[in-house]
């Protein structure tokens, strides 16, 4: 059930940004999709206008929608009712992703009005870039550096856009869906060279199918042996 604060905020956003798509989740979380070229202006409006007053930027993160909906078993589309092997769906709803691969998500908080808002801006799949909002909220500094490091998204206007979590000589962006979980290289100390060296990763990637074995008559197995009472008491 939507409370009066979220309902009022939805109406104000729709009135102020009539061309933007507004999504209200089952948990009453409001998400507004913002075109890349309108991000800076939209953020300043949400911060400065009294109807919104979003004084704080809580978080900035990247999202990669590549292979959206794919899992380790046979399927090519995402369902809104869970994995087919995990539950019996009353009604299967199929969602095919038709938007850009990368998006930048912003979480805003208004202390004065006690309300939250999520912004989502889709960026170009080949050359993902978007304006920095560091002039609007200074807290965007390290958040944008993290999104750049992990996803390779460029934030134009950022004063110090460089890696923040990976090594200086690291190649690639670990949170992209096409980046292997084991990485491409591993590092070790070479006693002969007396320094750290990089070499091709030696870990073999495997996919383990989830399986549960239950030795219980409730699940079609043999019943569990009864424990004598004297052992139970001990």
C-alpha atoms as a PDB file:
ATOM      1  CA  UNK A   1       0.000   0.000   0.000  1.00  0.00           C
ATOM      2  CA  UNK A   2       1.436   3.356  -1.042  1.00  0.00           C
ATOM      3  CA  UNK A   3       1.681   5.864   1.767  1.00  0.00           C
ATOM      4  CA  UNK A   4       0.684   9.494   1.367  1.00  0.00           C
ATOM      5  CA  UNK A   5       4.268  10.773   1.208  1.00  0.00           C
ATOM      6  CA  UNK A   6       5.268   8.540  -1.725  1.00  0.00           C
ATOM      7  CA  UNK A   7       1.988   9.194  -3.489  1.00  0.00           C
ATOM      8  CA  UNK A   8       2.462  12.969  -3.173  1.00  0.00           C
ATOM      9  CA  UNK A   9       6.082  12.730  -4.363  1.00  0.00           C
ATOM     10  CA  UNK A  10       5.018  10.672  -7.386  1.00  0.00           C
ATOM     11  CA  UNK A  11       2.465  13.280  -8.373  1.00  0.00           C
ATOM     12  CA  UNK A  12       4.966  16.130  -8.007  1.00  0.00           C
ATOM     13  CA  UNK A  13       7.574  14.304 -10.088  1.00  0.00           C
ATOM     14  CA  UNK A  14       5.080  13.502 -12.836  1.00  0.00           C
ATOM     15  CA  UNK A  15       3.981  17.136 -12.912  1.00  0.00           C
ATOM     16  CA  UNK A  16       7.540  18.516 -12.940  1.00  0.00           C
ATOM     17  CA  UNK A  17       9.019  15.901 -15.306  1.00  0.00           C
ATOM     18  CA  UNK A  18       6.097  14.801 -17.502  1.00  0.00           C
ATOM     19  CA  UNK A  19       8.301  13.261 -20.216  1.00  0.00           C
ATOM     20  CA  UNK A  20      10.279  10.998 -17.872  1.00  0.00           C
ATOM     21  CA  UNK A  21       9.249   7.452 -17.074  1.00  0.00           C
ATOM     22  CA  UNK A  22       8.255   6.869 -13.436  1.00  0.00           C
ATOM     23  CA  UNK A  23       8.239   3.380 -11.900  1.00  0.00           C
ATOM     24  CA  UNK A  24       6.754   2.528  -8.505  1.00  0.00           C
ATOM     25  CA  UNK A  25       7.857  -0.870  -7.182  1.00  0.00           C
ATOM     26  CA  UNK A  26       5.902  -3.244  -4.972  1.00  0.00           C
ATOM     27  CA  UNK A  27       7.918  -1.883  -2.043  1.00  0.00           C
ATOM     28  CA  UNK A  28       6.764   1.677  -2.870  1.00  0.00           C
ATOM     29  CA  UNK A  29      10.212   2.685  -4.126  1.00  0.00           C
ATOM     30  CA  UNK A  30      10.087   5.423  -6.738  1.00  0.00           C
ATOM     31  CA  UNK A  31      12.412   5.264  -9.725  1.00  0.00           C
ATOM     32  CA  UNK A  32      12.638   7.941 -12.407  1.00  0.00           C
ATOM     33  CA  UNK A  33      14.467   7.347 -15.670  1.00  0.00           C
ATOM     34  CA  UNK A  34      16.422  10.392 -16.812  1.00  0.00           C
ATOM     35  CA  UNK A  35      17.894  10.973 -20.291  1.00  0.00           C
ATOM     36  CA  UNK A  36      21.671  11.320 -20.193  1.00  0.00           C
ATOM     37  CA  UNK A  37      21.652  14.840 -21.631  1.00  0.00           C
ATOM     38  CA  UNK A  38      19.202  16.024 -18.945  1.00  0.00           C
ATOM     39  CA  UNK A  39      20.905  14.501 -15.901  1.00  0.00           C
ATOM     40  CA  UNK A  40      22.779  17.554 -14.600  1.00  0.00           C
ATOM     41  CA  UNK A  41      19.799  19.877 -14.903  1.00  0.00           C
ATOM     42  CA  UNK A  42      17.448  17.301 -13.359  1.00  0.00           C
ATOM     43  CA  UNK A  43      19.730  16.716 -10.374  1.00  0.00           C
ATOM     44  CA  UNK A  44      20.028  20.432  -9.637  1.00  0.00           C
ATOM     45  CA  UNK A  45      16.247  20.765  -9.837  1.00  0.00           C
ATOM     46  CA  UNK A  46      15.724  17.886  -7.422  1.00  0.00           C
ATOM     47  CA  UNK A  47      18.208  19.406  -4.996  1.00  0.00           C
ATOM     48  CA  UNK A  48      17.122  23.058  -5.113  1.00  0.00           C
ATOM     49  CA  UNK A  49      13.355  23.137  -5.639  1.00  0.00           C
ATOM     50  CA  UNK A  50      11.341  23.127  -2.409  1.00  0.00           C
ATOM     51  CA  UNK A  51       8.959  20.417  -3.580  1.00  0.00           C
ATOM     52  CA  UNK A  52      11.869  17.940  -3.637  1.00  0.00           C
ATOM     53  CA  UNK A  53      14.828  19.218  -1.540  1.00  0.00           C
ATOM     54  CA  UNK A  54      17.047  16.170  -2.049  1.00  0.00           C
ATOM     55  CA  UNK A  55      20.031  17.466  -0.125  1.00  0.00           C
ATOM     56  CA  UNK A  56      22.006  14.221  -0.055  1.00  0.00           C
ATOM     57  CA  UNK A  57      23.273  11.796  -2.666  1.00  0.00           C
ATOM     58  CA  UNK A  58      23.412   8.473  -0.817  1.00  0.00           C
ATOM     59  CA  UNK A  59      24.905   6.282  -3.532  1.00  0.00           C
ATOM     60  CA  UNK A  60      25.907   6.036  -7.186  1.00  0.00           C
ATOM     61  CA  UNK A  61      26.384   2.667  -8.853  1.00  0.00           C
ATOM     62  CA  UNK A  62      26.649   1.140 -12.297  1.00  0.00           C
ATOM     63  CA  UNK A  63      24.492  -1.665 -13.686  1.00  0.00           C
ATOM     64  CA  UNK A  64      25.304  -4.040 -16.544  1.00  0.00           C
ATOM     65  CA  UNK A  65      22.230  -5.575 -18.173  1.00  0.00           C
ATOM     66  CA  UNK A  66      24.210  -7.860 -20.505  1.00  0.00           C
ATOM     67  CA  UNK A  67      22.775 -11.407 -20.593  1.00  0.00           C
ATOM     68  CA  UNK A  68      19.917 -10.123 -18.468  1.00  0.00           C
ATOM     69  CA  UNK A  69      17.798 -13.067 -17.332  1.00  0.00           C
ATOM     70  CA  UNK A  70      20.277 -15.794 -18.277  1.00  0.00           C
ATOM     71  CA  UNK A  71      21.056 -18.454 -15.679  1.00  0.00           C
ATOM     72  CA  UNK A  72      23.210 -21.581 -15.608  1.00  0.00           C
ATOM     73  CA  UNK A  73      20.476 -23.786 -17.017  1.00  0.00           C
ATOM     74  CA  UNK A  74      18.483 -23.518 -20.225  1.00  0.00           C
ATOM     75  CA  UNK A  75      16.723 -20.185 -20.526  1.00  0.00           C
ATOM     76  CA  UNK A  76      17.270 -16.982 -22.463  1.00  0.00           C
ATOM     77  CA  UNK A  77      14.740 -14.700 -20.859  1.00  0.00           C
ATOM     78  CA  UNK A  78      14.044 -13.394 -17.363  1.00  0.00           C
ATOM     79  CA  UNK A  79      10.842 -14.221 -15.501  1.00  0.00           C
ATOM     80  CA  UNK A  80       9.123 -12.145 -12.876  1.00  0.00           C
ATOM     81  CA  UNK A  81       8.087 -15.252 -10.942  1.00  0.00           C
ATOM     82  CA  UNK A  82      11.458 -16.755 -10.030  1.00  0.00           C
ATOM     83  CA  UNK A  83      13.574 -19.530 -11.487  1.00  0.00           C
ATOM     84  CA  UNK A  84      11.634 -22.410 -13.020  1.00  0.00           C
ATOM     85  CA  UNK A  85      13.491 -24.969 -10.903  1.00  0.00           C
ATOM     86  CA  UNK A  86      13.078 -22.991  -7.719  1.00  0.00           C
ATOM     87  CA  UNK A  87       9.318 -22.598  -7.545  1.00  0.00           C
ATOM     88  CA  UNK A  88       6.031 -23.326  -9.277  1.00  0.00           C
ATOM     89  CA  UNK A  89       4.886 -20.137 -10.956  1.00  0.00           C
ATOM     90  CA  UNK A  90       1.201 -19.338 -10.966  1.00  0.00           C
ATOM     91  CA  UNK A  91       1.645 -17.214 -14.061  1.00  0.00           C
ATOM     92  CA  UNK A  92       4.828 -16.862 -16.072  1.00  0.00           C
ATOM     93  CA  UNK A  93       5.663 -13.322 -17.165  1.00  0.00           C
ATOM     94  CA  UNK A  94       8.513 -12.960 -19.623  1.00  0.00           C
ATOM     95  CA  UNK A  95      10.704  -9.850 -19.705  1.00  0.00           C
ATOM     96  CA  UNK A  96      13.069  -9.261 -22.624  1.00  0.00           C
ATOM     97  CA  UNK A  97      15.641  -6.498 -22.176  1.00  0.00           C
ATOM     98  CA  UNK A  98      15.519  -3.992 -25.042  1.00  0.00           C
ATOM     99  CA  UNK A  99      17.303  -0.980 -23.547  1.00  0.00           C
ATOM    100  CA  UNK A 100      20.969  -0.012 -23.378  1.00  0.00           C
ATOM    101  CA  UNK A 101      23.392  -2.375 -21.717  1.00  0.00           C
ATOM    102  CA  UNK A 102      24.748   0.021 -19.063  1.00  0.00           C
ATOM    103  CA  UNK A 103      22.936   2.282 -16.625  1.00  0.00           C
ATOM    104  CA  UNK A 104      23.965   4.578 -13.791  1.00  0.00           C
ATOM    105  CA  UNK A 105      21.717   4.591 -10.717  1.00  0.00           C
ATOM    106  CA  UNK A 106      21.525   7.428  -8.174  1.00  0.00           C
ATOM    107  CA  UNK A 107      19.906   7.178  -4.734  1.00  0.00           C
ATOM    108  CA  UNK A 108      18.721  10.505  -3.332  1.00  0.00           C
ATOM    109  CA  UNK A 109      17.585  11.407   0.186  1.00  0.00           C
ATOM    110  CA  UNK A 110      15.709  14.451   1.461  1.00  0.00           C
ATOM    111  CA  UNK A 111      16.253  14.969   5.181  1.00  0.00           C
ATOM    112  CA  UNK A 112      13.859  17.876   5.419  1.00  0.00           C
ATOM    113  CA  UNK A 113      10.978  16.008   3.753  1.00  0.00           C
ATOM    114  CA  UNK A 114      11.919  12.444   4.767  1.00  0.00           C
ATOM    115  CA  UNK A 115      11.621  11.054   1.258  1.00  0.00           C
ATOM    116  CA  UNK A 116      13.787   9.043  -1.121  1.00  0.00           C
ATOM    117  CA  UNK A 117      14.110   8.822  -4.885  1.00  0.00           C
ATOM    118  CA  UNK A 118      16.045   6.645  -7.286  1.00  0.00           C
ATOM    119  CA  UNK A 119      17.269   7.976 -10.637  1.00  0.00           C
ATOM    120  CA  UNK A 120      18.349   5.720 -13.475  1.00  0.00           C
ATOM    121  CA  UNK A 121      20.122   6.937 -16.601  1.00  0.00           C
ATOM    122  CA  UNK A 122      21.027   4.615 -19.474  1.00  0.00           C
ATOM    123  CA  UNK A 123      24.346   5.269 -21.190  1.00  0.00           C
ATOM    124  CA  UNK A 124      25.741   4.243 -24.550  1.00  0.00           C
ATOM    125  CA  UNK A 125      26.688   0.555 -24.673  1.00  0.00           C
ATOM    126  CA  UNK A 126      29.830   1.037 -26.762  1.00  0.00           C
ATOM    127  CA  UNK A 127      31.231   4.153 -25.064  1.00  0.00           C
ATOM    128  CA  UNK A 128      29.436   4.531 -21.716  1.00  0.00           C
ATOM    129  CA  UNK A 129      29.761   8.092 -20.471  1.00  0.00           C
ATOM    130  CA  UNK A 130      27.676  10.554 -18.505  1.00  0.00           C
ATOM    131  CA  UNK A 131      28.094  13.933 -16.812  1.00  0.00           C
ATOM    132  CA  UNK A 132      29.496  13.943 -13.298  1.00  0.00           C
ATOM    133  CA  UNK A 133      27.170  15.247 -10.577  1.00  0.00           C
ATOM    134  CA  UNK A 134      30.014  16.099  -8.215  1.00  0.00           C
ATOM    135  CA  UNK A 135      29.207  19.821  -8.481  1.00  0.00           C
ATOM    136  CA  UNK A 136      25.672  19.109  -7.291  1.00  0.00           C
ATOM    137  CA  UNK A 137      26.585  16.611  -4.570  1.00  0.00           C
ATOM    138  CA  UNK A 138      30.223  16.364  -3.487  1.00  0.00           C
ATOM    139  CA  UNK A 139      29.589  12.843  -2.156  1.00  0.00           C
ATOM    140  CA  UNK A 140      29.549  11.626  -5.773  1.00  0.00           C
ATOM    141  CA  UNK A 141      33.362  11.783  -5.868  1.00  0.00           C
ATOM    142  CA  UNK A 142      34.348   8.254  -4.806  1.00  0.00           C
ATOM    143  CA  UNK A 143      31.046   6.710  -5.952  1.00  0.00           C
ATOM    144  CA  UNK A 144      31.740   7.774  -9.524  1.00  0.00           C
ATOM    145  CA  UNK A 145      35.331   6.577  -9.292  1.00  0.00           C
ATOM    146  CA  UNK A 146      34.075   3.175  -8.172  1.00  0.00           C
ATOM    147  CA  UNK A 147      31.593   2.948 -11.072  1.00  0.00           C
ATOM    148  CA  UNK A 148      34.386   3.932 -13.451  1.00  0.00           C
ATOM    149  CA  UNK A 149      36.714   1.298 -11.993  1.00  0.00           C
ATOM    150  CA  UNK A 150      34.198  -1.553 -11.863  1.00  0.00           C
ATOM    151  CA  UNK A 151      32.127  -0.839 -15.013  1.00  0.00           C
ATOM    152  CA  UNK A 152      34.277   1.443 -17.171  1.00  0.00           C
ATOM    153  CA  UNK A 153      31.681   4.234 -17.183  1.00  0.00           C
ATOM    154  CA  UNK A 154      33.229   7.649 -17.862  1.00  0.00           C
ATOM    155  CA  UNK A 155      32.004  10.595 -15.789  1.00  0.00           C
ATOM    156  CA  UNK A 156      32.716  13.770 -17.716  1.00  0.00           C
ATOM    157  CA  UNK A 157      33.735  16.684 -15.517  1.00  0.00           C
ATOM    158  CA  UNK A 158      35.023  14.557 -12.652  1.00  0.00           C
ATOM    159  CA  UNK A 159      38.214  16.216 -11.318  1.00  0.00           C
ATOM    160  CA  UNK A 160      40.089  13.001 -10.473  1.00  0.00           C
ATOM    161  CA  UNK A 161      38.615  10.039 -12.357  1.00  0.00           C
ATOM    162  CA  UNK A 162      40.958   7.095 -11.709  1.00  0.00           C
ATOM    163  CA  UNK A 163      40.743   3.588 -10.328  1.00  0.00           C
ATOM    164  CA  UNK A 164      39.884   3.280  -6.649  1.00  0.00           C
ATOM    165  CA  UNK A 165      39.689  -0.463  -5.853  1.00  0.00           C
ATOM    166  CA  UNK A 166      41.787  -2.359  -8.402  1.00  0.00           C
ATOM    167  CA  UNK A 167      45.542  -2.302  -8.917  1.00  0.00           C
ATOM    168  CA  UNK A 168      47.227   0.485 -10.885  1.00  0.00           C
ATOM    169  CA  UNK A 169      48.059  -1.802 -13.802  1.00  0.00           C
ATOM    170  CA  UNK A 170      44.715  -3.631 -13.791  1.00  0.00           C
ATOM    171  CA  UNK A 171      43.132  -4.184 -17.203  1.00  0.00           C
ATOM    172  CA  UNK A 172      39.369  -4.481 -17.613  1.00  0.00           C
ATOM    173  CA  UNK A 173      36.366  -3.802 -15.402  1.00  0.00           C
ATOM    174  CA  UNK A 174      35.441  -6.599 -12.937  1.00  0.00           C
ATOM    175  CA  UNK A 175      31.706  -5.902 -12.604  1.00  0.00           C
ATOM    176  CA  UNK A 176      30.990  -6.173 -16.314  1.00  0.00           C
ATOM    177  CA  UNK A 177      29.055  -9.350 -17.055  1.00  0.00           C
ATOM    178  CA  UNK A 178      31.556 -10.415 -19.724  1.00  0.00           C
ATOM    179  CA  UNK A 179      34.461 -10.264 -17.243  1.00  0.00           C
ATOM    180  CA  UNK A 180      35.307 -13.784 -15.929  1.00  0.00           C
ATOM    181  CA  UNK A 181      34.860 -14.375 -12.207  1.00  0.00           C
ATOM    182  CA  UNK A 182      38.408 -15.690 -11.966  1.00  0.00           C
ATOM    183  CA  UNK A 183      39.836 -12.707 -13.848  1.00  0.00           C
ATOM    184  CA  UNK A 184      42.402 -12.871 -16.637  1.00  0.00           C
ATOM    185  CA  UNK A 185      45.630 -12.825 -14.611  1.00  0.00           C
ATOM    186  CA  UNK A 186      46.835 -13.655 -11.128  1.00  0.00           C
ATOM    187  CA  UNK A 187      49.747 -12.261  -9.179  1.00  0.00           C
ATOM    188  CA  UNK A 188      52.398 -13.912  -7.008  1.00  0.00           C
ATOM    189  CA  UNK A 189      55.763 -13.106  -5.498  1.00  0.00           C
ATOM    190  CA  UNK A 190      58.675 -14.372  -7.601  1.00  0.00           C
ATOM    191  CA  UNK A 191      61.648 -15.173  -5.316  1.00  0.00           C
ATOM    192  CA  UNK A 192      64.075 -15.140  -8.249  1.00  0.00           C
ATOM    193  CA  UNK A 193      62.998 -11.729  -9.539  1.00  0.00           C
ATOM    194  CA  UNK A 194      62.336 -10.563  -5.967  1.00  0.00           C
ATOM    195  CA  UNK A 195      59.137  -8.786  -6.958  1.00  0.00           C
ATOM    196  CA  UNK A 196      55.455  -9.394  -7.621  1.00  0.00           C
ATOM    197  CA  UNK A 197      54.735 -10.762 -11.103  1.00  0.00           C
ATOM    198  CA  UNK A 198      51.570 -11.311 -13.124  1.00  0.00           C
ATOM    199  CA  UNK A 199      50.765 -14.560 -14.922  1.00  0.00           C
ATOM    200  CA  UNK A 200      47.728 -16.121 -16.681  1.00  0.00           C
ATOM    201  CA  UNK A 201      45.130 -17.271 -14.205  1.00  0.00           C
ATOM    202  CA  UNK A 202      45.459 -20.939 -13.276  1.00  0.00           C
ATOM    203  CA  UNK A 203      41.939 -21.446 -11.897  1.00  0.00           C
ATOM    204  CA  UNK A 204      39.566 -23.505 -14.041  1.00  0.00           C
ATOM    205  CA  UNK A 205      36.052 -22.048 -14.269  1.00  0.00           C
ATOM    206  CA  UNK A 206      33.299 -24.528 -13.431  1.00  0.00           C
ATOM    207  CA  UNK A 207      29.526 -24.252 -13.160  1.00  0.00           C
ATOM    208  CA  UNK A 208      27.997 -26.247 -10.326  1.00  0.00           C
ATOM    209  CA  UNK A 209      24.324 -27.140 -10.701  1.00  0.00           C
ATOM    210  CA  UNK A 210      22.539 -26.683  -7.357  1.00  0.00           C
ATOM    211  CA  UNK A 211      21.384 -29.978  -5.886  1.00  0.00           C
ATOM    212  CA  UNK A 212      19.846 -30.939  -2.578  1.00  0.00           C
ATOM    213  CA  UNK A 213      19.764 -34.558  -1.344  1.00  0.00           C
ATOM    214  CA  UNK A 214      17.230 -35.214   1.397  1.00  0.00           C
ATOM    215  CA  UNK A 215      17.194 -38.549   3.268  1.00  0.00           C
ATOM    216  CA  UNK A 216      13.692 -38.048   4.549  1.00  0.00           C
ATOM    217  CA  UNK A 217      10.416 -39.866   3.837  1.00  0.00           C
ATOM    218  CA  UNK A 218       8.689 -36.496   3.416  1.00  0.00           C
ATOM    219  CA  UNK A 219      10.665 -36.012   0.205  1.00  0.00           C
ATOM    220  CA  UNK A 220      10.401 -39.530  -1.197  1.00  0.00           C
ATOM    221  CA  UNK A 221      13.516 -40.892   0.507  1.00  0.00           C
ATOM    222  CA  UNK A 222      14.043 -43.504   3.150  1.00  0.00           C
ATOM    223  CA  UNK A 223      12.844 -42.508   6.642  1.00  0.00           C
ATOM    224  CA  UNK A 224      15.496 -41.415   9.110  1.00  0.00           C
ATOM    225  CA  UNK A 225      16.497 -44.037  11.704  1.00  0.00           C
ATOM    226  CA  UNK A 226      14.936 -43.603  15.107  1.00  0.00           C
ATOM    227  CA  UNK A 227      17.275 -42.652  17.932  1.00  0.00           C
ATOM    228  CA  UNK A 228      16.916 -44.723  21.119  1.00  0.00           C
ATOM    229  CA  UNK A 229      15.464 -42.808  24.050  1.00  0.00           C
ATOM    230  CA  UNK A 230      18.504 -43.373  26.251  1.00  0.00           C
ATOM    231  CA  UNK A 231      20.713 -41.644  23.667  1.00  0.00           C
ATOM    232  CA  UNK A 232      18.257 -38.752  23.304  1.00  0.00           C
ATOM    233  CA  UNK A 233      18.350 -38.143  27.066  1.00  0.00           C
ATOM    234  CA  UNK A 234      22.148 -38.200  27.118  1.00  0.00           C
END
